[in-house]
Amino acid sequence: MISATQIRTGMVIKFNNDLYSVFTMTHRTPGNLRGFVQVKMRNLRSGSMNEHRFASEDKVEKAMMDEQKMEFMYKDAEYFYFMNTENYEQVQLSADFVGDSANYMIDNLPVTVTFYEGKPISVEPPPTVDLKIVETEPGLKGASVSNVGKLATLETGLVVSVPQFIEQGERIRVNTAEATYMERA
């Protein structure tokens, strides 16, 4: 247990029997009132954002997370399969569990799977992934200066806006946090 004043951004805490990731934390001490800690946090199970005000002397439980480096192997109709790169153990996770990260899952992709009490709670792809364009409109001649983009469908099914000079069959680097084109790979 830690004091509410020890909560930090990025920390995972257990609150009301759920796990929450802390996004912002502000310690306030108004003039003639008792100090408090205002916390904005995301429920790791449901994904909803909550705000809560803790008294400075409140105690919260810091969740001990176990992050494991894993490699995406393959997927079938229902599950995504990952392998621990240290002990070669395999984990299967449902498509619902993997969520939006499924848009970046290509063979042998290194990912971070976070476990809490032996159960996986999140899958995090690397910051950037190189993907092949499977469908896009033909490029326009002389469009290298233009700021106008076109839509491109990638090998995982993700659709991103790319510059006009990018052609079908090329590999591009995609920012996984924002699902945006970065550069040619």
N, C-alpha and C. Protein backbone atom coordinates (compact mmCIF):
# COMPACT_ATOMS: atom_id res chain seq x y z
N MET A 1 0.84 -1.18 0.00
CA MET A 1 0.00 0.00 0.00
C MET A 1 0.89 1.25 0.00
N ILE A 2 0.46 2.22 -0.80
CA ILE A 2 1.19 3.47 -0.85
C ILE A 2 0.22 4.61 -0.52
N SER A 3 0.77 5.72 -0.11
CA SER A 3 -0.03 6.90 0.16
C SER A 3 -0.50 7.50 -1.16
N ALA A 4 -1.66 8.14 -1.16
CA ALA A 4 -2.20 8.75 -2.37
C ALA A 4 -1.25 9.78 -2.95
N THR A 5 -0.44 10.42 -2.11
CA THR A 5 0.51 11.42 -2.60
C THR A 5 1.67 10.79 -3.36
N GLN A 6 1.83 9.47 -3.28
CA GLN A 6 2.91 8.77 -3.99
C GLN A 6 2.47 8.24 -5.35
N ILE A 7 1.22 8.46 -5.72
CA ILE A 7 0.73 8.03 -7.04
C ILE A 7 1.45 8.85 -8.10
N ARG A 8 1.87 8.19 -9.17
CA ARG A 8 2.57 8.86 -10.26
C ARG A 8 1.93 8.50 -11.60
N THR A 9 2.10 9.36 -12.59
CA THR A 9 1.60 9.11 -13.94
C THR A 9 2.24 7.83 -14.49
N GLY A 10 1.42 6.98 -15.12
CA GLY A 10 1.91 5.73 -15.68
C GLY A 10 1.81 4.55 -14.73
N MET A 11 1.60 4.80 -13.47
CA MET A 11 1.50 3.75 -12.46
C MET A 11 0.17 3.01 -12.62
N VAL A 12 0.15 1.73 -12.28
CA VAL A 12 -1.08 0.95 -12.28
C VAL A 12 -1.46 0.69 -10.83
N ILE A 13 -2.71 1.08 -10.48
CA ILE A 13 -3.18 0.91 -9.11
C ILE A 13 -4.43 0.03 -9.09
N LYS A 14 -4.68 -0.59 -7.94
CA LYS A 14 -5.90 -1.37 -7.75
C LYS A 14 -6.86 -0.50 -6.95
N PHE A 15 -8.05 -0.25 -7.53
CA PHE A 15 -9.03 0.63 -6.91
C PHE A 15 -10.41 0.04 -7.18
N ASN A 16 -11.23 -0.12 -6.15
CA ASN A 16 -12.57 -0.73 -6.27
C ASN A 16 -12.51 -2.09 -6.98
N ASN A 17 -11.52 -2.90 -6.64
CA ASN A 17 -11.33 -4.25 -7.19
C ASN A 17 -11.11 -4.26 -8.70
N ASP A 18 -10.63 -3.18 -9.28
CA ASP A 18 -10.28 -3.11 -10.69
C ASP A 18 -8.89 -2.50 -10.82
N LEU A 19 -8.25 -2.75 -11.96
CA LEU A 19 -6.95 -2.16 -12.22
C LEU A 19 -7.13 -0.89 -13.03
N TYR A 20 -6.39 0.16 -12.67
CA TYR A 20 -6.45 1.44 -13.34
C TYR A 20 -5.04 1.92 -13.67
N SER A 21 -4.87 2.47 -14.87
CA SER A 21 -3.62 3.09 -15.26
C SER A 21 -3.77 4.59 -15.05
N VAL A 22 -2.84 5.20 -14.34
CA VAL A 22 -2.93 6.62 -13.99
C VAL A 22 -2.43 7.47 -15.16
N PHE A 23 -3.29 8.40 -15.63
CA PHE A 23 -2.93 9.31 -16.72
C PHE A 23 -2.42 10.64 -16.20
N THR A 24 -3.14 11.23 -15.27
CA THR A 24 -2.68 12.49 -14.68
C THR A 24 -2.90 12.43 -13.18
N MET A 25 -2.06 13.13 -12.47
CA MET A 25 -2.15 13.20 -11.01
C MET A 25 -1.79 14.61 -10.59
N THR A 26 -2.66 15.24 -9.81
CA THR A 26 -2.40 16.59 -9.33
C THR A 26 -2.62 16.62 -7.82
N HIS A 27 -1.59 17.06 -7.09
CA HIS A 27 -1.69 17.19 -5.64
C HIS A 27 -2.05 18.63 -5.34
N ARG A 28 -3.20 18.84 -4.71
CA ARG A 28 -3.68 20.19 -4.44
C ARG A 28 -3.79 20.41 -2.93
N THR A 29 -3.44 21.61 -2.52
CA THR A 29 -3.60 21.99 -1.12
C THR A 29 -4.25 23.36 -1.07
N PRO A 30 -5.59 23.40 -1.15
CA PRO A 30 -6.28 24.70 -1.10
C PRO A 30 -6.09 25.35 0.27
N GLY A 31 -6.08 26.67 0.28
CA GLY A 31 -5.81 27.49 1.47
C GLY A 31 -6.23 26.93 2.81
N ASN A 32 -7.51 26.93 3.12
CA ASN A 32 -7.94 26.53 4.46
C ASN A 32 -8.57 25.13 4.48
N LEU A 33 -8.38 24.34 3.42
CA LEU A 33 -8.93 22.99 3.38
C LEU A 33 -7.80 21.96 3.42
N ARG A 34 -8.18 20.71 3.64
CA ARG A 34 -7.18 19.64 3.64
C ARG A 34 -6.72 19.35 2.22
N GLY A 35 -5.48 18.92 2.08
CA GLY A 35 -4.92 18.59 0.77
C GLY A 35 -5.58 17.34 0.19
N PHE A 36 -5.58 17.25 -1.14
CA PHE A 36 -6.12 16.07 -1.80
C PHE A 36 -5.34 15.81 -3.09
N VAL A 37 -5.54 14.62 -3.64
CA VAL A 37 -4.89 14.22 -4.87
C VAL A 37 -5.97 13.94 -5.91
N GLN A 38 -5.97 14.69 -7.01
CA GLN A 38 -6.93 14.50 -8.10
C GLN A 38 -6.27 13.60 -9.13
N VAL A 39 -6.89 12.45 -9.43
CA VAL A 39 -6.30 11.46 -10.33
C VAL A 39 -7.25 11.17 -11.49
N LYS A 40 -6.71 11.23 -12.71
CA LYS A 40 -7.46 10.81 -13.89
C LYS A 40 -6.85 9.48 -14.31
N MET A 41 -7.71 8.44 -14.42
CA MET A 41 -7.19 7.09 -14.66
C MET A 41 -8.11 6.31 -15.60
N ARG A 42 -7.51 5.31 -16.28
CA ARG A 42 -8.25 4.46 -17.22
C ARG A 42 -8.40 3.06 -16.63
N ASN A 43 -9.63 2.55 -16.66
CA ASN A 43 -9.90 1.19 -16.22
C ASN A 43 -9.32 0.25 -17.27
N LEU A 44 -8.41 -0.65 -16.86
CA LEU A 44 -7.75 -1.53 -17.81
C LEU A 44 -8.68 -2.61 -18.36
N ARG A 45 -9.75 -2.93 -17.66
CA ARG A 45 -10.68 -3.95 -18.13
C ARG A 45 -11.68 -3.38 -19.13
N SER A 46 -12.29 -2.25 -18.77
CA SER A 46 -13.34 -1.69 -19.63
C SER A 46 -12.84 -0.59 -20.56
N GLY A 47 -11.70 0.03 -20.24
CA GLY A 47 -11.16 1.10 -21.06
C GLY A 47 -11.75 2.47 -20.77
N SER A 48 -12.67 2.57 -19.81
CA SER A 48 -13.31 3.86 -19.51
C SER A 48 -12.38 4.74 -18.67
N MET A 49 -12.51 6.06 -18.88
CA MET A 49 -11.71 7.03 -18.13
C MET A 49 -12.52 7.48 -16.91
N ASN A 50 -11.86 7.56 -15.76
CA ASN A 50 -12.50 8.01 -14.52
C ASN A 50 -11.63 9.06 -13.85
N GLU A 51 -12.27 9.93 -13.10
CA GLU A 51 -11.54 10.85 -12.24
C GLU A 51 -11.93 10.56 -10.80
N HIS A 52 -10.95 10.61 -9.91
CA HIS A 52 -11.25 10.37 -8.50
C HIS A 52 -10.39 11.30 -7.66
N ARG A 53 -10.97 11.74 -6.55
CA ARG A 53 -10.27 12.61 -5.62
C ARG A 53 -9.95 11.80 -4.37
N PHE A 54 -8.66 11.61 -4.10
CA PHE A 54 -8.19 10.91 -2.91
C PHE A 54 -7.77 11.93 -1.87
N ALA A 55 -8.09 11.66 -0.61
CA ALA A 55 -7.54 12.48 0.47
C ALA A 55 -6.04 12.18 0.55
N SER A 56 -5.25 13.14 0.97
CA SER A 56 -3.79 12.96 1.02
C SER A 56 -3.38 11.76 1.86
N GLU A 57 -4.14 11.46 2.91
CA GLU A 57 -3.77 10.34 3.79
C GLU A 57 -4.35 8.99 3.34
N ASP A 58 -5.16 8.96 2.26
CA ASP A 58 -5.70 7.69 1.76
C ASP A 58 -4.59 6.76 1.30
N LYS A 59 -4.83 5.47 1.43
CA LYS A 59 -3.87 4.46 0.98
C LYS A 59 -4.45 3.76 -0.24
N VAL A 60 -3.62 3.49 -1.24
CA VAL A 60 -4.03 2.75 -2.44
C VAL A 60 -3.03 1.62 -2.67
N GLU A 61 -3.50 0.59 -3.34
CA GLU A 61 -2.65 -0.56 -3.61
C GLU A 61 -2.02 -0.42 -4.98
N LYS A 62 -0.70 -0.44 -5.01
CA LYS A 62 0.03 -0.39 -6.28
C LYS A 62 0.06 -1.81 -6.84
N ALA A 63 -0.40 -1.97 -8.08
CA ALA A 63 -0.44 -3.29 -8.70
C ALA A 63 0.94 -3.67 -9.20
N MET A 64 1.35 -4.88 -8.90
CA MET A 64 2.64 -5.38 -9.37
C MET A 64 2.42 -6.07 -10.71
N MET A 65 2.91 -5.44 -11.75
CA MET A 65 2.72 -5.95 -13.10
C MET A 65 3.97 -6.70 -13.54
N ASP A 66 3.77 -7.68 -14.40
CA ASP A 66 4.87 -8.46 -14.96
C ASP A 66 4.82 -8.29 -16.48
N GLU A 67 5.80 -7.59 -17.04
CA GLU A 67 5.85 -7.40 -18.48
C GLU A 67 6.78 -8.45 -19.08
N GLN A 68 6.27 -9.13 -20.11
CA GLN A 68 7.07 -10.15 -20.78
C GLN A 68 7.20 -9.82 -22.25
N LYS A 69 8.43 -9.95 -22.76
CA LYS A 69 8.67 -9.77 -24.19
C LYS A 69 8.22 -11.05 -24.89
N MET A 70 7.32 -10.88 -25.85
CA MET A 70 6.80 -12.03 -26.58
C MET A 70 6.86 -11.73 -28.07
N GLU A 71 6.62 -12.76 -28.85
CA GLU A 71 6.64 -12.64 -30.29
C GLU A 71 5.32 -13.15 -30.84
N PHE A 72 4.69 -12.35 -31.72
CA PHE A 72 3.45 -12.80 -32.35
C PHE A 72 3.80 -13.90 -33.34
N MET A 73 3.10 -15.03 -33.25
CA MET A 73 3.37 -16.16 -34.14
C MET A 73 2.37 -16.23 -35.29
N TYR A 74 1.09 -16.37 -34.96
CA TYR A 74 0.05 -16.48 -35.98
C TYR A 74 -1.31 -16.28 -35.35
N LYS A 75 -2.34 -16.23 -36.19
CA LYS A 75 -3.71 -16.14 -35.68
C LYS A 75 -4.58 -17.11 -36.44
N ASP A 76 -5.66 -17.54 -35.78
CA ASP A 76 -6.67 -18.36 -36.47
C ASP A 76 -7.99 -17.60 -36.37
N ALA A 77 -9.09 -18.27 -36.55
CA ALA A 77 -10.40 -17.60 -36.58
C ALA A 77 -10.72 -16.89 -35.26
N GLU A 78 -10.26 -17.44 -34.12
CA GLU A 78 -10.65 -16.89 -32.82
C GLU A 78 -9.50 -16.28 -32.01
N TYR A 79 -8.30 -16.80 -32.17
CA TYR A 79 -7.22 -16.45 -31.26
C TYR A 79 -5.97 -15.95 -31.97
N PHE A 80 -5.19 -15.16 -31.20
CA PHE A 80 -3.86 -14.74 -31.59
C PHE A 80 -2.89 -15.53 -30.71
N TYR A 81 -1.81 -16.02 -31.29
CA TYR A 81 -0.86 -16.86 -30.55
C TYR A 81 0.47 -16.12 -30.42
N PHE A 82 0.96 -16.08 -29.17
CA PHE A 82 2.21 -15.40 -28.85
C PHE A 82 3.15 -16.38 -28.17
N MET A 83 4.48 -16.16 -28.36
CA MET A 83 5.47 -17.02 -27.74
C MET A 83 6.43 -16.17 -26.92
N ASN A 84 6.69 -16.60 -25.69
CA ASN A 84 7.67 -15.95 -24.83
C ASN A 84 9.04 -16.22 -25.43
N THR A 85 9.83 -15.17 -25.67
CA THR A 85 11.12 -15.34 -26.34
C THR A 85 12.21 -15.89 -25.42
N GLU A 86 11.95 -15.95 -24.11
CA GLU A 86 12.95 -16.47 -23.19
C GLU A 86 12.75 -17.95 -22.89
N ASN A 87 11.50 -18.36 -22.59
CA ASN A 87 11.27 -19.76 -22.21
C ASN A 87 10.42 -20.52 -23.23
N TYR A 88 10.07 -19.89 -24.34
CA TYR A 88 9.33 -20.50 -25.45
C TYR A 88 7.93 -20.99 -25.09
N GLU A 89 7.37 -20.50 -23.98
CA GLU A 89 5.99 -20.82 -23.64
C GLU A 89 5.06 -20.04 -24.57
N GLN A 90 3.91 -20.65 -24.89
CA GLN A 90 2.96 -20.00 -25.78
C GLN A 90 1.72 -19.57 -25.03
N VAL A 91 1.14 -18.44 -25.48
CA VAL A 91 -0.09 -17.90 -24.90
C VAL A 91 -1.04 -17.62 -26.05
N GLN A 92 -2.30 -18.00 -25.86
CA GLN A 92 -3.31 -17.66 -26.86
C GLN A 92 -4.25 -16.64 -26.25
N LEU A 93 -4.51 -15.56 -27.03
CA LEU A 93 -5.38 -14.49 -26.56
C LEU A 93 -6.47 -14.26 -27.58
N SER A 94 -7.68 -13.99 -27.11
CA SER A 94 -8.81 -13.80 -28.02
C SER A 94 -8.66 -12.51 -28.82
N ALA A 95 -9.32 -12.46 -29.95
CA ALA A 95 -9.28 -11.26 -30.80
C ALA A 95 -9.84 -10.06 -30.06
N ASP A 96 -10.88 -10.25 -29.23
CA ASP A 96 -11.44 -9.15 -28.45
C ASP A 96 -10.41 -8.60 -27.47
N PHE A 97 -9.62 -9.50 -26.88
CA PHE A 97 -8.61 -9.08 -25.91
C PHE A 97 -7.51 -8.26 -26.58
N VAL A 98 -7.07 -8.71 -27.76
CA VAL A 98 -5.99 -8.03 -28.48
C VAL A 98 -6.46 -6.65 -28.96
N GLY A 99 -7.74 -6.53 -29.33
CA GLY A 99 -8.33 -5.24 -29.70
C GLY A 99 -7.67 -4.58 -30.90
N ASP A 100 -7.43 -3.27 -30.79
CA ASP A 100 -6.86 -2.49 -31.90
C ASP A 100 -5.43 -2.89 -32.23
N SER A 101 -4.74 -3.53 -31.31
CA SER A 101 -3.37 -3.97 -31.59
C SER A 101 -3.34 -5.00 -32.72
N ALA A 102 -4.48 -5.63 -33.01
CA ALA A 102 -4.55 -6.61 -34.09
C ALA A 102 -4.19 -5.99 -35.44
N ASN A 103 -4.37 -4.68 -35.57
CA ASN A 103 -4.05 -3.98 -36.82
C ASN A 103 -2.57 -3.98 -37.15
N TYR A 104 -1.73 -4.37 -36.20
CA TYR A 104 -0.29 -4.34 -36.40
C TYR A 104 0.36 -5.71 -36.33
N MET A 105 -0.42 -6.76 -36.11
CA MET A 105 0.14 -8.08 -35.88
C MET A 105 0.57 -8.75 -37.18
N ILE A 106 1.88 -8.79 -37.39
CA ILE A 106 2.48 -9.51 -38.51
C ILE A 106 3.40 -10.56 -37.91
N ASP A 107 3.69 -11.60 -38.67
CA ASP A 107 4.51 -12.70 -38.17
C ASP A 107 5.82 -12.20 -37.57
N ASN A 108 6.19 -12.80 -36.44
CA ASN A 108 7.44 -12.54 -35.72
C ASN A 108 7.55 -11.13 -35.15
N LEU A 109 6.42 -10.43 -34.98
CA LEU A 109 6.45 -9.08 -34.42
C LEU A 109 6.72 -9.16 -32.91
N PRO A 110 7.75 -8.45 -32.42
CA PRO A 110 7.98 -8.43 -30.97
C PRO A 110 6.95 -7.53 -30.29
N VAL A 111 6.29 -8.03 -29.25
CA VAL A 111 5.29 -7.28 -28.50
C VAL A 111 5.59 -7.40 -27.01
N THR A 112 4.95 -6.56 -26.21
CA THR A 112 5.05 -6.65 -24.75
C THR A 112 3.68 -7.03 -24.23
N VAL A 113 3.61 -8.16 -23.53
CA VAL A 113 2.37 -8.61 -22.92
C VAL A 113 2.50 -8.38 -21.42
N THR A 114 1.54 -7.64 -20.85
CA THR A 114 1.57 -7.33 -19.43
C THR A 114 0.66 -8.30 -18.68
N PHE A 115 1.19 -8.90 -17.62
CA PHE A 115 0.45 -9.86 -16.81
C PHE A 115 0.23 -9.29 -15.42
N TYR A 116 -0.93 -9.62 -14.84
CA TYR A 116 -1.22 -9.28 -13.45
C TYR A 116 -1.73 -10.55 -12.79
N GLU A 117 -1.04 -10.99 -11.75
CA GLU A 117 -1.36 -12.23 -11.05
C GLU A 117 -1.46 -13.41 -12.01
N GLY A 118 -0.54 -13.47 -12.96
CA GLY A 118 -0.47 -14.58 -13.90
C GLY A 118 -1.43 -14.52 -15.07
N LYS A 119 -2.28 -13.49 -15.13
CA LYS A 119 -3.24 -13.36 -16.21
C LYS A 119 -2.86 -12.18 -17.10
N PRO A 120 -2.90 -12.36 -18.43
CA PRO A 120 -2.57 -11.24 -19.31
C PRO A 120 -3.64 -10.15 -19.23
N ILE A 121 -3.21 -8.88 -19.20
CA ILE A 121 -4.18 -7.78 -19.16
C ILE A 121 -4.03 -6.82 -20.35
N SER A 122 -2.88 -6.85 -21.04
CA SER A 122 -2.74 -5.98 -22.21
C SER A 122 -1.64 -6.49 -23.14
N VAL A 123 -1.80 -6.13 -24.42
CA VAL A 123 -0.80 -6.44 -25.45
C VAL A 123 -0.38 -5.11 -26.07
N GLU A 124 0.91 -4.84 -26.06
CA GLU A 124 1.42 -3.57 -26.57
C GLU A 124 2.37 -3.83 -27.73
N PRO A 125 2.01 -3.38 -28.95
CA PRO A 125 2.94 -3.52 -30.08
C PRO A 125 4.09 -2.52 -29.94
N PRO A 126 5.16 -2.67 -30.73
CA PRO A 126 6.24 -1.69 -30.68
C PRO A 126 5.74 -0.32 -31.17
N PRO A 127 6.49 0.75 -30.94
CA PRO A 127 6.04 2.09 -31.35
C PRO A 127 5.80 2.24 -32.85
N THR A 128 6.58 1.52 -33.66
CA THR A 128 6.38 1.57 -35.12
C THR A 128 6.42 0.17 -35.69
N VAL A 129 5.66 -0.03 -36.77
CA VAL A 129 5.63 -1.33 -37.46
C VAL A 129 5.72 -1.06 -38.95
N ASP A 130 6.51 -1.89 -39.67
CA ASP A 130 6.61 -1.79 -41.12
C ASP A 130 5.60 -2.73 -41.75
N LEU A 131 4.69 -2.17 -42.57
CA LEU A 131 3.62 -2.95 -43.19
C LEU A 131 3.62 -2.72 -44.70
N LYS A 132 3.14 -3.73 -45.43
CA LYS A 132 3.06 -3.66 -46.89
C LYS A 132 1.69 -3.15 -47.32
N ILE A 133 1.68 -2.28 -48.33
CA ILE A 133 0.43 -1.76 -48.88
C ILE A 133 -0.12 -2.78 -49.87
N VAL A 134 -1.35 -3.24 -49.66
CA VAL A 134 -1.97 -4.21 -50.57
C VAL A 134 -2.94 -3.55 -51.54
N GLU A 135 -3.42 -2.35 -51.21
CA GLU A 135 -4.34 -1.68 -52.12
C GLU A 135 -4.31 -0.18 -51.90
N THR A 136 -4.14 0.57 -53.01
CA THR A 136 -4.22 2.02 -52.98
C THR A 136 -4.42 2.53 -54.39
N GLU A 137 -4.85 3.76 -54.52
CA GLU A 137 -5.02 4.36 -55.84
C GLU A 137 -3.66 4.62 -56.46
N PRO A 138 -3.58 4.67 -57.79
CA PRO A 138 -2.30 5.00 -58.43
C PRO A 138 -1.85 6.41 -58.04
N GLY A 139 -0.55 6.62 -57.98
CA GLY A 139 -0.02 7.93 -57.61
C GLY A 139 -0.16 8.93 -58.73
N LEU A 140 -0.16 10.20 -58.36
CA LEU A 140 -0.23 11.28 -59.35
C LEU A 140 1.16 11.77 -59.67
N LYS A 141 1.44 12.04 -60.94
CA LYS A 141 2.74 12.56 -61.32
C LYS A 141 2.92 13.96 -60.74
N GLY A 142 4.11 14.23 -60.20
CA GLY A 142 4.40 15.54 -59.66
C GLY A 142 3.72 15.83 -58.34
N ALA A 143 3.24 14.82 -57.65
CA ALA A 143 2.50 15.04 -56.40
C ALA A 143 3.40 14.95 -55.17
N SER A 144 4.72 14.99 -55.37
CA SER A 144 5.62 14.84 -54.23
C SER A 144 5.59 16.06 -53.30
N VAL A 145 5.15 17.20 -53.79
CA VAL A 145 5.10 18.40 -52.97
C VAL A 145 3.74 18.57 -52.31
N SER A 146 2.73 17.96 -52.90
CA SER A 146 1.36 18.13 -52.42
C SER A 146 1.19 17.56 -51.02
N ASN A 147 0.34 18.20 -50.24
CA ASN A 147 0.07 17.76 -48.88
C ASN A 147 -1.20 16.91 -48.82
N VAL A 148 -1.78 16.61 -49.98
CA VAL A 148 -3.02 15.84 -50.05
C VAL A 148 -2.68 14.36 -49.99
N GLY A 149 -3.40 13.61 -49.16
CA GLY A 149 -3.14 12.18 -49.03
C GLY A 149 -4.18 11.34 -49.74
N LYS A 150 -3.94 10.04 -49.75
CA LYS A 150 -4.90 9.08 -50.29
C LYS A 150 -4.93 7.90 -49.32
N LEU A 151 -6.01 7.13 -49.35
CA LEU A 151 -6.14 6.00 -48.43
C LEU A 151 -5.42 4.77 -48.99
N ALA A 152 -4.80 4.03 -48.08
CA ALA A 152 -4.10 2.80 -48.45
C ALA A 152 -4.49 1.71 -47.47
N THR A 153 -4.81 0.52 -48.00
CA THR A 153 -5.12 -0.64 -47.17
C THR A 153 -3.83 -1.44 -46.99
N LEU A 154 -3.51 -1.77 -45.75
CA LEU A 154 -2.27 -2.48 -45.45
C LEU A 154 -2.54 -3.98 -45.29
N GLU A 155 -1.48 -4.76 -45.21
CA GLU A 155 -1.59 -6.23 -45.17
C GLU A 155 -2.39 -6.75 -43.99
N THR A 156 -2.53 -5.97 -42.93
CA THR A 156 -3.31 -6.41 -41.76
C THR A 156 -4.76 -5.96 -41.82
N GLY A 157 -5.10 -5.18 -42.84
CA GLY A 157 -6.46 -4.66 -42.96
C GLY A 157 -6.60 -3.22 -42.49
N LEU A 158 -5.58 -2.69 -41.86
CA LEU A 158 -5.58 -1.30 -41.40
C LEU A 158 -5.59 -0.36 -42.60
N VAL A 159 -6.37 0.71 -42.52
CA VAL A 159 -6.43 1.72 -43.59
C VAL A 159 -5.85 3.01 -43.04
N VAL A 160 -4.81 3.54 -43.73
CA VAL A 160 -4.17 4.79 -43.31
C VAL A 160 -4.09 5.73 -44.50
N SER A 161 -3.94 7.00 -44.20
CA SER A 161 -3.74 8.01 -45.24
C SER A 161 -2.24 8.10 -45.53
N VAL A 162 -1.88 8.04 -46.82
CA VAL A 162 -0.48 8.10 -47.23
C VAL A 162 -0.33 9.21 -48.27
N PRO A 163 0.90 9.71 -48.48
CA PRO A 163 1.12 10.71 -49.52
C PRO A 163 0.83 10.14 -50.92
N GLN A 164 0.58 11.02 -51.89
CA GLN A 164 0.22 10.62 -53.25
C GLN A 164 1.31 9.79 -53.94
N PHE A 165 2.58 9.97 -53.61
CA PHE A 165 3.66 9.28 -54.32
C PHE A 165 3.85 7.83 -53.87
N ILE A 166 3.19 7.39 -52.83
CA ILE A 166 3.30 6.01 -52.34
C ILE A 166 2.49 5.09 -53.26
N GLU A 167 3.09 3.96 -53.65
CA GLU A 167 2.47 3.02 -54.58
C GLU A 167 2.09 1.71 -53.89
N GLN A 168 1.20 0.97 -54.52
CA GLN A 168 0.81 -0.35 -54.04
C GLN A 168 2.03 -1.26 -54.07
N GLY A 169 2.18 -2.11 -53.04
CA GLY A 169 3.31 -3.03 -52.96
C GLY A 169 4.47 -2.50 -52.13
N GLU A 170 4.51 -1.21 -51.86
CA GLU A 170 5.59 -0.63 -51.05
C GLU A 170 5.38 -0.95 -49.58
N ARG A 171 6.47 -0.89 -48.83
CA ARG A 171 6.39 -1.07 -47.37
C ARG A 171 6.51 0.31 -46.74
N ILE A 172 5.64 0.57 -45.76
CA ILE A 172 5.67 1.85 -45.06
C ILE A 172 5.78 1.61 -43.56
N ARG A 173 6.27 2.62 -42.86
CA ARG A 173 6.37 2.57 -41.40
C ARG A 173 5.15 3.28 -40.82
N VAL A 174 4.46 2.60 -39.88
CA VAL A 174 3.23 3.12 -39.29
C VAL A 174 3.45 3.34 -37.80
N ASN A 175 2.99 4.50 -37.31
CA ASN A 175 3.02 4.81 -35.88
C ASN A 175 1.87 4.05 -35.23
N THR A 176 2.16 3.14 -34.31
CA THR A 176 1.11 2.30 -33.72
C THR A 176 0.27 3.04 -32.68
N ALA A 177 0.78 4.11 -32.10
CA ALA A 177 0.01 4.85 -31.10
C ALA A 177 -1.11 5.66 -31.77
N GLU A 178 -0.85 6.16 -32.99
CA GLU A 178 -1.82 7.03 -33.65
C GLU A 178 -2.38 6.44 -34.94
N ALA A 179 -1.90 5.27 -35.34
CA ALA A 179 -2.33 4.61 -36.60
C ALA A 179 -2.13 5.55 -37.78
N THR A 180 -0.94 6.13 -37.89
CA THR A 180 -0.64 7.06 -38.97
C THR A 180 0.63 6.67 -39.71
N TYR A 181 0.67 7.08 -40.99
CA TYR A 181 1.85 6.89 -41.85
C TYR A 181 3.00 7.75 -41.32
N MET A 182 4.22 7.20 -41.31
CA MET A 182 5.38 7.97 -40.89
C MET A 182 6.34 8.20 -42.05
N GLU A 183 6.72 7.09 -42.75
CA GLU A 183 7.70 7.17 -43.83
C GLU A 183 7.74 5.85 -44.58
N ARG A 184 8.47 5.85 -45.69
CA ARG A 184 8.72 4.59 -46.39
C ARG A 184 9.65 3.74 -45.53
N ALA A 185 9.47 2.44 -45.60
CA ALA A 185 10.32 1.54 -44.81
C ALA A 185 11.45 0.99 -45.66
